Amino acid sequence: MVKAKSRIDIDIERVIVERERLVRRAISDLIRTQRKRQPALLTQESLAGLSDISYEHLNHIENHKSSASLEVLDRIARAFGFDRL
Protein backbone atom coordinates (compact mmCIF):
# COMPACT_ATOMS: atom_id res chain seq x y z
CA MET A 1 0.00 0.00 0.00
CA VAL A 2 1.39 3.38 -1.05
CA LYS A 3 1.12 6.13 1.52
CA ALA A 4 -0.24 9.44 0.23
CA LYS A 5 2.10 12.41 0.50
CA SER A 6 1.26 14.95 3.14
CA ARG A 7 0.77 18.63 2.37
CA ILE A 8 4.13 19.39 4.03
CA ASP A 9 5.94 16.83 1.83
CA ILE A 10 4.38 18.35 -1.28
CA ASP A 11 5.35 21.89 -0.17
CA ILE A 12 8.93 20.80 0.53
CA GLU A 13 9.17 19.18 -2.90
CA ARG A 14 7.93 22.39 -4.53
CA VAL A 15 10.53 24.45 -2.65
CA ILE A 16 13.31 22.07 -3.70
CA VAL A 17 12.22 22.15 -7.35
CA GLU A 18 12.01 25.95 -7.30
CA ARG A 19 15.47 26.28 -5.72
CA GLU A 20 16.95 23.92 -8.29
CA ARG A 21 15.37 26.02 -11.05
CA LEU A 22 16.77 29.23 -9.59
CA VAL A 23 20.28 27.77 -9.21
CA ARG A 24 20.18 26.43 -12.78
CA ARG A 25 19.09 29.87 -14.05
CA ALA A 26 21.80 31.69 -12.06
CA ILE A 27 24.54 29.37 -13.32
CA SER A 28 23.40 29.62 -16.92
CA ASP A 29 23.24 33.41 -16.71
CA LEU A 30 26.75 33.54 -15.24
CA ILE A 31 28.14 31.34 -18.02
CA ARG A 32 26.47 33.43 -20.73
CA THR A 33 27.64 36.71 -19.18
CA GLN A 34 31.21 35.48 -18.76
CA ARG A 35 31.28 34.12 -22.31
CA LYS A 36 30.18 37.47 -23.74
CA ARG A 37 32.71 39.39 -21.61
CA GLN A 38 35.66 37.65 -23.26
CA PRO A 39 37.90 39.96 -25.34
CA ALA A 40 37.07 38.05 -28.52
CA LEU A 41 33.45 36.95 -28.50
CA LEU A 42 33.49 33.34 -27.41
CA THR A 43 30.79 31.34 -29.17
CA GLN A 44 28.96 28.47 -27.56
CA GLU A 45 30.67 26.15 -30.03
CA SER A 46 34.17 27.32 -29.11
CA LEU A 47 33.46 27.31 -25.35
CA ALA A 48 32.00 23.81 -25.62
CA GLY A 49 35.14 22.67 -27.43
CA LEU A 50 37.42 24.26 -24.83
CA SER A 51 35.33 22.69 -22.07
CA ASP A 52 35.29 19.26 -23.73
CA ILE A 53 31.49 19.08 -23.70
CA SER A 54 29.02 19.00 -26.56
CA TYR A 55 27.63 22.21 -28.02
CA GLU A 56 24.13 20.90 -27.33
CA HIS A 57 24.85 20.37 -23.63
CA LEU A 58 26.31 23.87 -23.26
CA ASN A 59 23.36 25.31 -25.16
CA HIS A 60 20.92 23.53 -22.83
CA ILE A 61 22.82 24.77 -19.77
CA GLU A 62 22.79 28.37 -21.00
CA ASN A 63 19.11 28.19 -21.92
CA HIS A 64 17.96 26.79 -18.57
CA LYS A 65 16.98 23.43 -20.05
CA SER A 66 19.63 21.31 -18.36
CA SER A 67 21.74 21.34 -15.25
CA ALA A 68 25.46 20.70 -15.18
CA SER A 69 27.51 18.49 -12.93
CA LEU A 70 30.30 20.00 -10.86
CA GLU A 71 32.77 18.35 -13.22
CA VAL A 72 31.24 20.13 -16.22
CA LEU A 73 31.09 23.45 -14.36
CA ASP A 74 34.76 23.02 -13.46
CA ARG A 75 35.64 22.39 -17.12
CA ILE A 76 33.75 25.52 -18.16
CA ALA A 77 35.47 27.57 -15.44
CA ARG A 78 38.90 26.32 -16.59
CA ALA A 79 38.00 27.19 -20.20
CA PHE A 80 37.37 30.76 -18.98
CA GLY A 81 40.81 30.75 -17.33
CA PHE A 82 39.79 30.19 -13.72
CA ASP A 83 41.89 27.73 -11.72
CA ARG A 84 39.02 26.07 -9.83
CA LEU A 85 35.41 26.70 -8.98
C-alpha atoms as a PDB file:
ATOM      1  CA  MET A   1       0.000   0.000   0.000  1.00  0.00           C
ATOM      2  CA  VAL A   2       1.388   3.380  -1.052  1.00  0.00           C
ATOM      3  CA  LYS A   3       1.118   6.128   1.518  1.00  0.00           C
ATOM      4  CA  ALA A   4      -0.240   9.444   0.227  1.00  0.00           C
ATOM      5  CA  LYS A   5       2.101  12.410   0.505  1.00  0.00           C
ATOM      6  CA  SER A   6       1.265  14.950   3.140  1.00  0.00           C
ATOM      7  CA  ARG A   7       0.769  18.628   2.374  1.00  0.00           C
ATOM      8  CA  ILE A   8       4.127  19.386   4.027  1.00  0.00           C
ATOM      9  CA  ASP A   9       5.937  16.835   1.832  1.00  0.00           C
ATOM     10  CA  ILE A  10       4.384  18.350  -1.275  1.00  0.00           C
ATOM     11  CA  ASP A  11       5.347  21.886  -0.168  1.00  0.00           C
ATOM     12  CA  ILE A  12       8.931  20.800   0.532  1.00  0.00           C
ATOM     13  CA  GLU A  13       9.175  19.179  -2.896  1.00  0.00           C
ATOM     14  CA  ARG A  14       7.929  22.391  -4.528  1.00  0.00           C
ATOM     15  CA  VAL A  15      10.526  24.450  -2.652  1.00  0.00           C
ATOM     16  CA  ILE A  16      13.310  22.072  -3.703  1.00  0.00           C
ATOM     17  CA  VAL A  17      12.219  22.154  -7.350  1.00  0.00           C
ATOM     18  CA  GLU A  18      12.010  25.953  -7.296  1.00  0.00           C
ATOM     19  CA  ARG A  19      15.475  26.284  -5.716  1.00  0.00           C
ATOM     20  CA  GLU A  20      16.952  23.922  -8.291  1.00  0.00           C
ATOM     21  CA  ARG A  21      15.373  26.018 -11.050  1.00  0.00           C
ATOM     22  CA  LEU A  22      16.772  29.234  -9.590  1.00  0.00           C
ATOM     23  CA  VAL A  23      20.275  27.766  -9.213  1.00  0.00           C
ATOM     24  CA  ARG A  24      20.181  26.432 -12.776  1.00  0.00           C
ATOM     25  CA  ARG A  25      19.090  29.867 -14.047  1.00  0.00           C
ATOM     26  CA  ALA A  26      21.801  31.690 -12.064  1.00  0.00           C
ATOM     27  CA  ILE A  27      24.536  29.366 -13.322  1.00  0.00           C
ATOM     28  CA  SER A  28      23.404  29.615 -16.924  1.00  0.00           C
ATOM     29  CA  ASP A  29      23.238  33.414 -16.713  1.00  0.00           C
ATOM     30  CA  LEU A  30      26.753  33.538 -15.238  1.00  0.00           C
ATOM     31  CA  ILE A  31      28.136  31.338 -18.019  1.00  0.00           C
ATOM     32  CA  ARG A  32      26.466  33.431 -20.732  1.00  0.00           C
ATOM     33  CA  THR A  33      27.642  36.708 -19.183  1.00  0.00           C
ATOM     34  CA  GLN A  34      31.213  35.480 -18.759  1.00  0.00           C
ATOM     35  CA  ARG A  35      31.279  34.118 -22.312  1.00  0.00           C
ATOM     36  CA  LYS A  36      30.181  37.472 -23.740  1.00  0.00           C
ATOM     37  CA  ARG A  37      32.714  39.387 -21.611  1.00  0.00           C
ATOM     38  CA  GLN A  38      35.659  37.646 -23.255  1.00  0.00           C
ATOM     39  CA  PRO A  39      37.904  39.958 -25.344  1.00  0.00           C
ATOM     40  CA  ALA A  40      37.072  38.049 -28.520  1.00  0.00           C
ATOM     41  CA  LEU A  41      33.447  36.953 -28.504  1.00  0.00           C
ATOM     42  CA  LEU A  42      33.486  33.338 -27.405  1.00  0.00           C
ATOM     43  CA  THR A  43      30.793  31.340 -29.169  1.00  0.00           C
ATOM     44  CA  GLN A  44      28.964  28.474 -27.561  1.00  0.00           C
ATOM     45  CA  GLU A  45      30.668  26.149 -30.032  1.00  0.00           C
ATOM     46  CA  SER A  46      34.167  27.319 -29.105  1.00  0.00           C
ATOM     47  CA  LEU A  47      33.456  27.310 -25.349  1.00  0.00           C
ATOM     48  CA  ALA A  48      32.004  23.814 -25.624  1.00  0.00           C
ATOM     49  CA  GLY A  49      35.141  22.669 -27.430  1.00  0.00           C
ATOM     50  CA  LEU A  50      37.424  24.263 -24.833  1.00  0.00           C
ATOM     51  CA  SER A  51      35.326  22.688 -22.073  1.00  0.00           C
ATOM     52  CA  ASP A  52      35.287  19.264 -23.732  1.00  0.00           C
ATOM     53  CA  ILE A  53      31.495  19.076 -23.698  1.00  0.00           C
ATOM     54  CA  SER A  54      29.016  19.000 -26.559  1.00  0.00           C
ATOM     55  CA  TYR A  55      27.631  22.205 -28.021  1.00  0.00           C
ATOM     56  CA  GLU A  56      24.130  20.900 -27.335  1.00  0.00           C
ATOM     57  CA  HIS A  57      24.849  20.370 -23.633  1.00  0.00           C
ATOM     58  CA  LEU A  58      26.307  23.875 -23.259  1.00  0.00           C
ATOM     59  CA  ASN A  59      23.361  25.313 -25.155  1.00  0.00           C
ATOM     60  CA  HIS A  60      20.922  23.528 -22.834  1.00  0.00           C
ATOM     61  CA  ILE A  61      22.823  24.770 -19.769  1.00  0.00           C
ATOM     62  CA  GLU A  62      22.789  28.372 -20.997  1.00  0.00           C
ATOM     63  CA  ASN A  63      19.112  28.189 -21.923  1.00  0.00           C
ATOM     64  CA  HIS A  64      17.964  26.787 -18.566  1.00  0.00           C
ATOM     65  CA  LYS A  65      16.980  23.434 -20.052  1.00  0.00           C
ATOM     66  CA  SER A  66      19.626  21.312 -18.357  1.00  0.00           C
ATOM     67  CA  SER A  67      21.736  21.343 -15.249  1.00  0.00           C
ATOM     68  CA  ALA A  68      25.458  20.703 -15.179  1.00  0.00           C
ATOM     69  CA  SER A  69      27.506  18.490 -12.929  1.00  0.00           C
ATOM     70  CA  LEU A  70      30.296  20.000 -10.861  1.00  0.00           C
ATOM     71  CA  GLU A  71      32.773  18.353 -13.218  1.00  0.00           C
ATOM     72  CA  VAL A  72      31.237  20.127 -16.222  1.00  0.00           C
ATOM     73  CA  LEU A  73      31.093  23.446 -14.356  1.00  0.00           C
ATOM     74  CA  ASP A  74      34.758  23.017 -13.462  1.00  0.00           C
ATOM     75  CA  ARG A  75      35.640  22.386 -17.119  1.00  0.00           C
ATOM     76  CA  ILE A  76      33.753  25.525 -18.164  1.00  0.00           C
ATOM     77  CA  ALA A  77      35.465  27.571 -15.439  1.00  0.00           C
ATOM     78  CA  ARG A  78      38.903  26.320 -16.589  1.00  0.00           C
ATOM     79  CA  ALA A  79      38.004  27.194 -20.202  1.00  0.00           C
ATOM     80  CA  PHE A  80      37.375  30.761 -18.981  1.00  0.00           C
ATOM     81  CA  GLY A  81      40.807  30.754 -17.333  1.00  0.00           C
ATOM     82  CA  PHE A  82      39.790  30.185 -13.720  1.00  0.00           C
ATOM     83  CA  ASP A  83      41.894  27.729 -11.718  1.00  0.00           C
ATOM     84  CA  ARG A  84      39.023  26.074  -9.827  1.00  0.00           C
ATOM     85  CA  LEU A  85      35.411  26.702  -8.982  1.00  0.00           C
END
